[in-house]
Amino acid sequence: MPNLKNKVVLITGARRGMGRAHALALAKYGAKVVVTDISQEECQQVVEEIKKQGGQALALKLDVTKKQEVEEVIKKAVKEFGGLDILVNNAGIAEFKPFLAITEQEWDKTLDINLKGQFLCAQAAARQMKEQGGGTIVNIASVAMGQQGIGSPNIAHYCASKGGVAALTEALAVELAQFNIRVNCVAPGLIETPMIEAVKSDPKTFEAMLAQIPLRRAGRPEEVSELVAFLASDNSSYMTGSVVVIDGGWLST
């Protein structure tokens, strides 16, 4: 089992979905969790869940596209818990729209949250980790990141952003290894989160997607969280620069 006792972890996009699951899982393994998202009230609800299971947590509002907010949140996390050992770059959006109809504003919004947000958070976290002598960053991408043998229609902006996350992960792993900072990436497939509600609203499309997955089901957020916990812990101490797919076998077909 991953041992994260007394490790301080900051998770973005943690008010619901996979981010919430990551927060609960890492707290279960002993981490002190800083739960961040655009709604502090909803983050506080996750904090209360963590406290009920005997963990320590702090809720903070964070818009990952704003550099000053990112830096302030990390300062607050360090002040509250004495440092920052792990960053889980989870915040992201997916808005379905045909490529020819995507506006410049929609493109910018998706890239700002999904890619620029990971850059800003990783940079600020890495500066703190460098001072401390090391740390771990886990980025969240997607099987829709490209170069995987499948194409994903109607989310070109999302695909571009997640491809950028995978490339960013590899670059940071090389640059930050000298500071004892490991950087890995999780690429989930179809997971039961609010993000896939648009797909599930069209039963035929959803069934067609499930038919491509050998396990014939969507994954659970908690299943992804176990992988995140592994990559965040010393159990994966010789891993950096890895992009790990968790997709029920989708890319194997």
C-alpha atoms as a PDB file:
ATOM      1  CA  MET A   1       0.000   0.000   0.000  1.00  0.00           C
ATOM      2  CA  PRO A   2       1.227   3.537  -0.707  1.00  0.00           C
ATOM      3  CA  ASN A   3       2.559   5.264   2.386  1.00  0.00           C
ATOM      4  CA  LEU A   4       1.860   8.993   2.274  1.00  0.00           C
ATOM      5  CA  LYS A   5       1.926   9.596   6.017  1.00  0.00           C
ATOM      6  CA  ASN A   6       2.564  13.270   6.805  1.00  0.00           C
ATOM      7  CA  LYS A   7       3.080  14.119   3.126  1.00  0.00           C
ATOM      8  CA  VAL A   8       1.449  17.367   2.038  1.00  0.00           C
ATOM      9  CA  VAL A   9      -0.476  17.123  -1.226  1.00  0.00           C
ATOM     10  CA  LEU A  10      -2.260  19.814  -3.217  1.00  0.00           C
ATOM     11  CA  ILE A  11      -4.955  18.655  -5.631  1.00  0.00           C
ATOM     12  CA  THR A  12      -6.538  20.934  -8.228  1.00  0.00           C
ATOM     13  CA  GLY A  13     -10.092  20.455  -9.472  1.00  0.00           C
ATOM     14  CA  ALA A  14     -10.843  18.488  -6.310  1.00  0.00           C
ATOM     15  CA  ARG A  15     -14.427  19.495  -5.510  1.00  0.00           C
ATOM     16  CA  ARG A  16     -15.974  16.580  -7.427  1.00  0.00           C
ATOM     17  CA  GLY A  17     -15.308  13.727  -9.835  1.00  0.00           C
ATOM     18  CA  MET A  18     -11.818  12.309 -10.044  1.00  0.00           C
ATOM     19  CA  GLY A  19     -10.299  15.178  -8.064  1.00  0.00           C
ATOM     20  CA  ARG A  20     -12.529  14.411  -5.087  1.00  0.00           C
ATOM     21  CA  ALA A  21     -11.657  10.723  -5.353  1.00  0.00           C
ATOM     22  CA  HIS A  22      -7.941  11.560  -5.440  1.00  0.00           C
ATOM     23  CA  ALA A  23      -8.304  13.717  -2.319  1.00  0.00           C
ATOM     24  CA  LEU A  24     -10.083  10.978  -0.377  1.00  0.00           C
ATOM     25  CA  ALA A  25      -7.646   8.276  -1.494  1.00  0.00           C
ATOM     26  CA  LEU A  26      -4.472  10.201  -0.693  1.00  0.00           C
ATOM     27  CA  ALA A  27      -5.897  11.204   2.678  1.00  0.00           C
ATOM     28  CA  LYS A  28      -6.683   7.532   3.337  1.00  0.00           C
ATOM     29  CA  TYR A  29      -3.004   6.769   2.809  1.00  0.00           C
ATOM     30  CA  GLY A  30      -1.970   9.403   5.342  1.00  0.00           C
ATOM     31  CA  ALA A  31      -1.462  12.595   3.334  1.00  0.00           C
ATOM     32  CA  LYS A  32      -2.443  16.047   4.510  1.00  0.00           C
ATOM     33  CA  VAL A  33      -4.583  17.249   1.620  1.00  0.00           C
ATOM     34  CA  VAL A  34      -5.103  20.758   0.270  1.00  0.00           C
ATOM     35  CA  VAL A  35      -8.384  20.568  -1.651  1.00  0.00           C
ATOM     36  CA  THR A  36      -8.626  23.290  -4.306  1.00  0.00           C
ATOM     37  CA  ASP A  37     -11.139  24.273  -6.971  1.00  0.00           C
ATOM     38  CA  ILE A  38     -13.160  27.267  -8.125  1.00  0.00           C
ATOM     39  CA  SER A  39     -15.737  26.777  -5.342  1.00  0.00           C
ATOM     40  CA  GLN A  40     -14.323  26.847  -1.825  1.00  0.00           C
ATOM     41  CA  GLU A  41     -17.703  25.803  -0.424  1.00  0.00           C
ATOM     42  CA  GLU A  42     -17.692  22.569  -2.421  1.00  0.00           C
ATOM     43  CA  CYS A  43     -14.029  21.989  -1.525  1.00  0.00           C
ATOM     44  CA  GLN A  44     -14.980  22.329   2.136  1.00  0.00           C
ATOM     45  CA  GLN A  45     -17.484  19.502   1.723  1.00  0.00           C
ATOM     46  CA  VAL A  46     -14.638  17.246   0.557  1.00  0.00           C
ATOM     47  CA  VAL A  47     -12.541  18.409   3.511  1.00  0.00           C
ATOM     48  CA  GLU A  48     -15.334  17.391   5.876  1.00  0.00           C
ATOM     49  CA  GLU A  49     -15.397  13.930   4.293  1.00  0.00           C
ATOM     50  CA  ILE A  50     -11.659  13.607   4.836  1.00  0.00           C
ATOM     51  CA  LYS A  51     -11.923  14.724   8.433  1.00  0.00           C
ATOM     52  CA  LYS A  52     -14.683  12.159   9.077  1.00  0.00           C
ATOM     53  CA  GLN A  53     -12.272   9.423   8.040  1.00  0.00           C
ATOM     54  CA  GLY A  54      -9.660  10.824  10.436  1.00  0.00           C
ATOM     55  CA  GLY A  55      -7.562  12.807   7.976  1.00  0.00           C
ATOM     56  CA  GLN A  56      -6.259  16.358   7.782  1.00  0.00           C
ATOM     57  CA  ALA A  57      -7.287  18.707   5.003  1.00  0.00           C
ATOM     58  CA  LEU A  58      -7.673  22.336   3.995  1.00  0.00           C
ATOM     59  CA  ALA A  59     -10.077  23.855   1.443  1.00  0.00           C
ATOM     60  CA  LEU A  60      -8.891  26.736  -0.734  1.00  0.00           C
ATOM     61  CA  LYS A  61     -10.441  28.476  -3.735  1.00  0.00           C
ATOM     62  CA  LEU A  62      -8.234  28.305  -6.813  1.00  0.00           C
ATOM     63  CA  ASP A  63      -8.590  29.358 -10.437  1.00  0.00           C
ATOM     64  CA  VAL A  64      -5.634  27.543 -11.999  1.00  0.00           C
ATOM     65  CA  THR A  65      -5.467  30.020 -14.886  1.00  0.00           C
ATOM     66  CA  LYS A  66      -4.449  32.863 -12.568  1.00  0.00           C
ATOM     67  CA  LYS A  67      -0.742  32.880 -11.659  1.00  0.00           C
ATOM     68  CA  GLN A  68      -1.152  35.030  -8.554  1.00  0.00           C
ATOM     69  CA  GLU A  69      -3.885  32.780  -7.162  1.00  0.00           C
ATOM     70  CA  VAL A  70      -1.755  29.693  -7.749  1.00  0.00           C
ATOM     71  CA  GLU A  71       1.206  31.210  -5.921  1.00  0.00           C
ATOM     72  CA  GLU A  72      -0.957  32.403  -3.018  1.00  0.00           C
ATOM     73  CA  VAL A  73      -2.593  28.999  -2.594  1.00  0.00           C
ATOM     74  CA  ILE A  74       0.786  27.274  -2.429  1.00  0.00           C
ATOM     75  CA  LYS A  75       1.978  29.801   0.153  1.00  0.00           C
ATOM     76  CA  LYS A  76      -1.127  29.094   2.257  1.00  0.00           C
ATOM     77  CA  ALA A  77      -0.615  25.352   1.942  1.00  0.00           C
ATOM     78  CA  VAL A  78       2.996  25.657   3.095  1.00  0.00           C
ATOM     79  CA  LYS A  79       1.995  27.926   5.957  1.00  0.00           C
ATOM     80  CA  GLU A  80      -0.744  25.529   7.108  1.00  0.00           C
ATOM     81  CA  PHE A  81       1.126  22.232   6.785  1.00  0.00           C
ATOM     82  CA  GLY A  82       4.807  23.212   6.672  1.00  0.00           C
ATOM     83  CA  GLY A  83       5.627  22.293   3.091  1.00  0.00           C
ATOM     84  CA  LEU A  84       4.442  20.788  -0.189  1.00  0.00           C
ATOM     85  CA  ASP A  85       5.469  17.267  -1.201  1.00  0.00           C
ATOM     86  CA  ILE A  86       2.978  16.300  -3.907  1.00  0.00           C
ATOM     87  CA  LEU A  87       0.995  18.135  -6.584  1.00  0.00           C
ATOM     88  CA  VAL A  88      -1.853  16.423  -8.440  1.00  0.00           C
ATOM     89  CA  ASN A  89      -2.656  18.521 -11.512  1.00  0.00           C
ATOM     90  CA  ASN A  90      -6.242  17.388 -11.994  1.00  0.00           C
ATOM     91  CA  ALA A  91      -8.269  20.498 -12.926  1.00  0.00           C
ATOM     92  CA  GLY A  92      -9.756  20.294 -16.393  1.00  0.00           C
ATOM     93  CA  ILE A  93     -12.810  20.769 -18.582  1.00  0.00           C
ATOM     94  CA  ALA A  94     -14.225  19.019 -21.654  1.00  0.00           C
ATOM     95  CA  GLU A  95     -16.840  20.773 -23.759  1.00  0.00           C
ATOM     96  CA  PHE A  96     -18.128  18.803 -26.748  1.00  0.00           C
ATOM     97  CA  LYS A  97     -18.395  20.744 -29.993  1.00  0.00           C
ATOM     98  CA  PRO A  98     -17.628  20.045 -33.673  1.00  0.00           C
ATOM     99  CA  PHE A  99     -14.223  21.376 -34.711  1.00  0.00           C
ATOM    100  CA  LEU A 100     -15.652  23.771 -37.290  1.00  0.00           C
ATOM    101  CA  ALA A 101     -17.906  25.332 -34.646  1.00  0.00           C
ATOM    102  CA  ILE A 102     -15.319  25.828 -31.874  1.00  0.00           C
ATOM    103  CA  THR A 103     -14.818  29.530 -31.191  1.00  0.00           C
ATOM    104  CA  GLU A 104     -11.509  31.153 -30.375  1.00  0.00           C
ATOM    105  CA  GLN A 105     -12.824  31.900 -26.888  1.00  0.00           C
ATOM    106  CA  GLU A 106     -13.753  28.238 -26.329  1.00  0.00           C
ATOM    107  CA  TRP A 107     -10.330  27.124 -27.556  1.00  0.00           C
ATOM    108  CA  ASP A 108      -8.571  29.589 -25.260  1.00  0.00           C
ATOM    109  CA  LYS A 109     -10.683  28.615 -22.239  1.00  0.00           C
ATOM    110  CA  THR A 110      -9.923  24.901 -22.657  1.00  0.00           C
ATOM    111  CA  LEU A 111      -6.198  25.403 -23.217  1.00  0.00           C
ATOM    112  CA  ASP A 112      -6.007  27.898 -20.338  1.00  0.00           C
ATOM    113  CA  ILE A 113      -7.549  25.522 -17.800  1.00  0.00           C
ATOM    114  CA  ASN A 114      -6.263  22.178 -19.059  1.00  0.00           C
ATOM    115  CA  LEU A 115      -2.717  23.090 -20.097  1.00  0.00           C
ATOM    116  CA  LYS A 116      -1.725  26.558 -18.891  1.00  0.00           C
ATOM    117  CA  GLY A 117      -3.202  25.698 -15.492  1.00  0.00           C
ATOM    118  CA  GLN A 118      -0.989  22.618 -15.207  1.00  0.00           C
ATOM    119  CA  PHE A 119       2.044  24.676 -16.227  1.00  0.00           C
ATOM    120  CA  LEU A 120       1.367  27.384 -13.637  1.00  0.00           C
ATOM    121  CA  CYS A 121       0.709  24.925 -10.817  1.00  0.00           C
ATOM    122  CA  ALA A 122       3.681  22.710 -11.677  1.00  0.00           C
ATOM    123  CA  GLN A 123       6.036  25.672 -11.877  1.00  0.00           C
ATOM    124  CA  ALA A 124       4.994  27.169  -8.548  1.00  0.00           C
ATOM    125  CA  ALA A 125       4.977  23.756  -6.845  1.00  0.00           C
ATOM    126  CA  ALA A 126       8.380  22.812  -8.281  1.00  0.00           C
ATOM    127  CA  ARG A 127       9.937  25.998  -6.929  1.00  0.00           C
ATOM    128  CA  GLN A 128       8.717  25.087  -3.456  1.00  0.00           C
ATOM    129  CA  MET A 129       9.791  21.448  -3.853  1.00  0.00           C
ATOM    130  CA  LYS A 130      13.257  22.497  -5.023  1.00  0.00           C
ATOM    131  CA  GLU A 131      13.706  24.467  -1.798  1.00  0.00           C
ATOM    132  CA  GLN A 132      12.627  21.440   0.229  1.00  0.00           C
ATOM    133  CA  GLY A 133      14.922  19.027  -1.596  1.00  0.00           C
ATOM    134  CA  GLY A 134      12.402  17.172  -3.738  1.00  0.00           C
ATOM    135  CA  GLY A 135       8.800  16.237  -4.429  1.00  0.00           C
ATOM    136  CA  THR A 136       6.400  14.565  -6.810  1.00  0.00           C
ATOM    137  CA  ILE A 137       4.074  15.911  -9.496  1.00  0.00           C
ATOM    138  CA  VAL A 138       1.276  13.831 -11.016  1.00  0.00           C
ATOM    139  CA  ASN A 139      -0.373  15.351 -14.082  1.00  0.00           C
ATOM    140  CA  ILE A 140      -3.720  14.154 -15.426  1.00  0.00           C
ATOM    141  CA  ALA A 141      -4.013  13.784 -19.196  1.00  0.00           C
ATOM    142  CA  SER A 142      -6.373  11.488 -21.150  1.00  0.00           C
ATOM    143  CA  VAL A 143      -6.355   8.691 -23.716  1.00  0.00           C
ATOM    144  CA  ALA A 144      -7.521  11.499 -26.034  1.00  0.00           C
ATOM    145  CA  MET A 145      -3.985  12.982 -25.888  1.00  0.00           C
ATOM    146  CA  GLY A 146      -3.115  11.834 -29.434  1.00  0.00           C
ATOM    147  CA  GLN A 147      -0.481   9.382 -30.775  1.00  0.00           C
ATOM    148  CA  GLN A 148      -2.530   6.509 -29.322  1.00  0.00           C
ATOM    149  CA  GLY A 149      -4.167   5.153 -32.460  1.00  0.00           C
ATOM    150  CA  ILE A 150      -7.611   6.579 -31.769  1.00  0.00           C
ATOM    151  CA  GLY A 151      -9.211   9.886 -32.664  1.00  0.00           C
ATOM    152  CA  SER A 152     -11.787  11.680 -30.533  1.00  0.00           C
ATOM    153  CA  PRO A 153     -14.311  13.762 -32.491  1.00  0.00           C
ATOM    154  CA  ASN A 154     -15.962  16.938 -31.211  1.00  0.00           C
ATOM    155  CA  ILE A 155     -13.292  17.691 -28.577  1.00  0.00           C
ATOM    156  CA  ALA A 156     -10.346  18.900 -30.667  1.00  0.00           C
ATOM    157  CA  HIS A 157      -9.491  21.613 -28.125  1.00  0.00           C
ATOM    158  CA  TYR A 158      -9.560  19.061 -25.288  1.00  0.00           C
ATOM    159  CA  CYS A 159      -7.374  16.633 -27.245  1.00  0.00           C
ATOM    160  CA  ALA A 160      -4.829  19.356 -27.997  1.00  0.00           C
ATOM    161  CA  SER A 161      -4.660  20.367 -24.342  1.00  0.00           C
ATOM    162  CA  LYS A 162      -4.163  16.780 -23.110  1.00  0.00           C
ATOM    163  CA  GLY A 163      -1.495  16.110 -25.725  1.00  0.00           C
ATOM    164  CA  GLY A 164       0.259  19.152 -24.340  1.00  0.00           C
ATOM    165  CA  VAL A 165       0.025  17.737 -20.812  1.00  0.00           C
ATOM    166  CA  ALA A 166       1.764  14.514 -21.885  1.00  0.00           C
ATOM    167  CA  ALA A 167       4.548  16.464 -23.602  1.00  0.00           C
ATOM    168  CA  LEU A 168       4.887  18.816 -20.630  1.00  0.00           C
ATOM    169  CA  THR A 169       5.230  15.826 -18.303  1.00  0.00           C
ATOM    170  CA  GLU A 170       8.169  14.403 -20.251  1.00  0.00           C
ATOM    171  CA  ALA A 171       9.930  17.772 -20.460  1.00  0.00           C
ATOM    172  CA  LEU A 172       9.533  18.489 -16.740  1.00  0.00           C
ATOM    173  CA  ALA A 173      10.710  15.006 -15.783  1.00  0.00           C
ATOM    174  CA  VAL A 174      14.001  15.645 -17.565  1.00  0.00           C
ATOM    175  CA  GLU A 175      14.487  19.174 -16.215  1.00  0.00           C
ATOM    176  CA  LEU A 176      13.409  18.615 -12.624  1.00  0.00           C
ATOM    177  CA  ALA A 177      15.140  15.293 -11.917  1.00  0.00           C
ATOM    178  CA  GLN A 178      18.241  17.229 -10.831  1.00  0.00           C
ATOM    179  CA  PHE A 179      16.159  18.667  -7.972  1.00  0.00           C
ATOM    180  CA  ASN A 180      14.845  15.233  -6.920  1.00  0.00           C
ATOM    181  CA  ILE A 181      11.403  16.062  -8.319  1.00  0.00           C
ATOM    182  CA  ARG A 182       9.632  13.258 -10.155  1.00  0.00           C
ATOM    183  CA  VAL A 183       6.944  14.058 -12.741  1.00  0.00           C
ATOM    184  CA  ASN A 184       4.540  11.441 -14.091  1.00  0.00           C
ATOM    185  CA  CYS A 185       1.213  11.483 -15.892  1.00  0.00           C
ATOM    186  CA  VAL A 186      -2.011   9.465 -15.697  1.00  0.00           C
ATOM    187  CA  ALA A 187      -4.082   9.112 -18.872  1.00  0.00           C
ATOM    188  CA  PRO A 188      -7.593   7.856 -18.007  1.00  0.00           C
ATOM    189  CA  GLY A 189     -10.048   6.479 -20.516  1.00  0.00           C
ATOM    190  CA  LEU A 190     -13.812   6.595 -20.011  1.00  0.00           C
ATOM    191  CA  ILE A 191     -14.410   7.280 -16.308  1.00  0.00           C
ATOM    192  CA  GLU A 192     -17.710   7.733 -14.442  1.00  0.00           C
ATOM    193  CA  THR A 193     -17.508  11.461 -13.678  1.00  0.00           C
ATOM    194  CA  PRO A 194     -19.751  14.460 -14.399  1.00  0.00           C
ATOM    195  CA  MET A 195     -17.554  15.095 -17.448  1.00  0.00           C
ATOM    196  CA  ILE A 196     -19.057  12.146 -19.372  1.00  0.00           C
ATOM    197  CA  GLU A 197     -22.698  13.068 -18.756  1.00  0.00           C
ATOM    198  CA  ALA A 198     -22.916  14.608 -22.229  1.00  0.00           C
ATOM    199  CA  VAL A 199     -21.839  11.297 -23.748  1.00  0.00           C
ATOM    200  CA  LYS A 200     -24.204   9.238 -21.587  1.00  0.00           C
ATOM    201  CA  SER A 201     -27.117  11.435 -22.647  1.00  0.00           C
ATOM    202  CA  ASP A 202     -26.832   9.784 -26.084  1.00  0.00           C
ATOM    203  CA  PRO A 203     -27.292   6.054 -25.295  1.00  0.00           C
ATOM    204  CA  LYS A 204     -26.217   4.893 -28.768  1.00  0.00           C
ATOM    205  CA  THR A 205     -22.958   6.839 -28.635  1.00  0.00           C
ATOM    206  CA  PHE A 206     -22.274   5.665 -25.097  1.00  0.00           C
ATOM    207  CA  GLU A 207     -22.922   2.020 -25.954  1.00  0.00           C
ATOM    208  CA  ALA A 208     -20.665   2.341 -28.990  1.00  0.00           C
ATOM    209  CA  MET A 209     -17.873   3.616 -26.748  1.00  0.00           C
ATOM    210  CA  LEU A 210     -18.348   0.801 -24.235  1.00  0.00           C
ATOM    211  CA  ALA A 211     -18.204  -1.716 -27.103  1.00  0.00           C
ATOM    212  CA  GLN A 212     -14.632  -0.562 -27.804  1.00  0.00           C
ATOM    213  CA  ILE A 213     -13.545  -1.244 -24.214  1.00  0.00           C
ATOM    214  CA  PRO A 214     -12.616  -4.894 -23.518  1.00  0.00           C
ATOM    215  CA  LEU A 215     -13.841  -4.633 -19.909  1.00  0.00           C
ATOM    216  CA  ARG A 216     -17.185  -3.335 -21.286  1.00  0.00           C
ATOM    217  CA  ARG A 217     -17.632  -0.644 -18.673  1.00  0.00           C
ATOM    218  CA  ALA A 218     -16.499   2.815 -17.690  1.00  0.00           C
ATOM    219  CA  GLY A 219     -13.900   3.061 -14.958  1.00  0.00           C
ATOM    220  CA  ARG A 220     -14.559   4.346 -11.458  1.00  0.00           C
ATOM    221  CA  PRO A 221     -12.781   7.465 -10.178  1.00  0.00           C
ATOM    222  CA  GLU A 222     -11.473   5.438  -7.237  1.00  0.00           C
ATOM    223  CA  GLU A 223      -9.669   3.088  -9.628  1.00  0.00           C
ATOM    224  CA  VAL A 224      -7.778   6.014 -11.126  1.00  0.00           C
ATOM    225  CA  SER A 225      -7.035   7.347  -7.644  1.00  0.00           C
ATOM    226  CA  GLU A 226      -5.176   4.177  -6.690  1.00  0.00           C
ATOM    227  CA  LEU A 227      -2.823   4.760  -9.627  1.00  0.00           C
ATOM    228  CA  VAL A 228      -2.392   8.405  -8.639  1.00  0.00           C
ATOM    229  CA  ALA A 229      -1.550   7.343  -5.067  1.00  0.00           C
ATOM    230  CA  PHE A 230       1.041   4.880  -6.370  1.00  0.00           C
ATOM    231  CA  LEU A 231       2.727   7.534  -8.530  1.00  0.00           C
ATOM    232  CA  ALA A 232       2.634  10.033  -5.649  1.00  0.00           C
ATOM    233  CA  SER A 233       4.319   7.599  -3.263  1.00  0.00           C
ATOM    234  CA  ASP A 234       7.843   6.223  -2.945  1.00  0.00           C
ATOM    235  CA  ASN A 235       6.521   2.933  -4.334  1.00  0.00           C
ATOM    236  CA  SER A 236       7.150   4.480  -7.765  1.00  0.00           C
ATOM    237  CA  SER A 237      10.539   5.976  -6.808  1.00  0.00           C
ATOM    238  CA  TYR A 238      12.224   4.906 -10.092  1.00  0.00           C
ATOM    239  CA  MET A 239       9.455   6.310 -12.287  1.00  0.00           C
ATOM    240  CA  THR A 240       9.600   9.745 -13.879  1.00  0.00           C
ATOM    241  CA  GLY A 241       8.483  10.962 -17.281  1.00  0.00           C
ATOM    242  CA  SER A 242       5.970   8.115 -17.584  1.00  0.00           C
ATOM    243  CA  VAL A 243       2.517   8.500 -19.115  1.00  0.00           C
ATOM    244  CA  VAL A 244       0.439   5.663 -17.656  1.00  0.00           C
ATOM    245  CA  VAL A 245      -2.819   4.726 -19.395  1.00  0.00           C
ATOM    246  CA  ILE A 246      -5.758   3.385 -17.374  1.00  0.00           C
ATOM    247  CA  ASP A 247      -8.583   2.682 -19.792  1.00  0.00           C
ATOM    248  CA  GLY A 248     -10.054  -0.820 -19.388  1.00  0.00           C
ATOM    249  CA  GLY A 249      -8.060  -1.982 -22.411  1.00  0.00           C
ATOM    250  CA  TRP A 250      -9.486   0.578 -24.863  1.00  0.00           C
ATOM    251  CA  LEU A 251      -6.153   1.313 -26.556  1.00  0.00           C
ATOM    252  CA  SER A 252      -5.365  -2.390 -26.854  1.00  0.00           C
ATOM    253  CA  THR A 253      -8.165  -3.007 -29.357  1.00  0.00           C
END
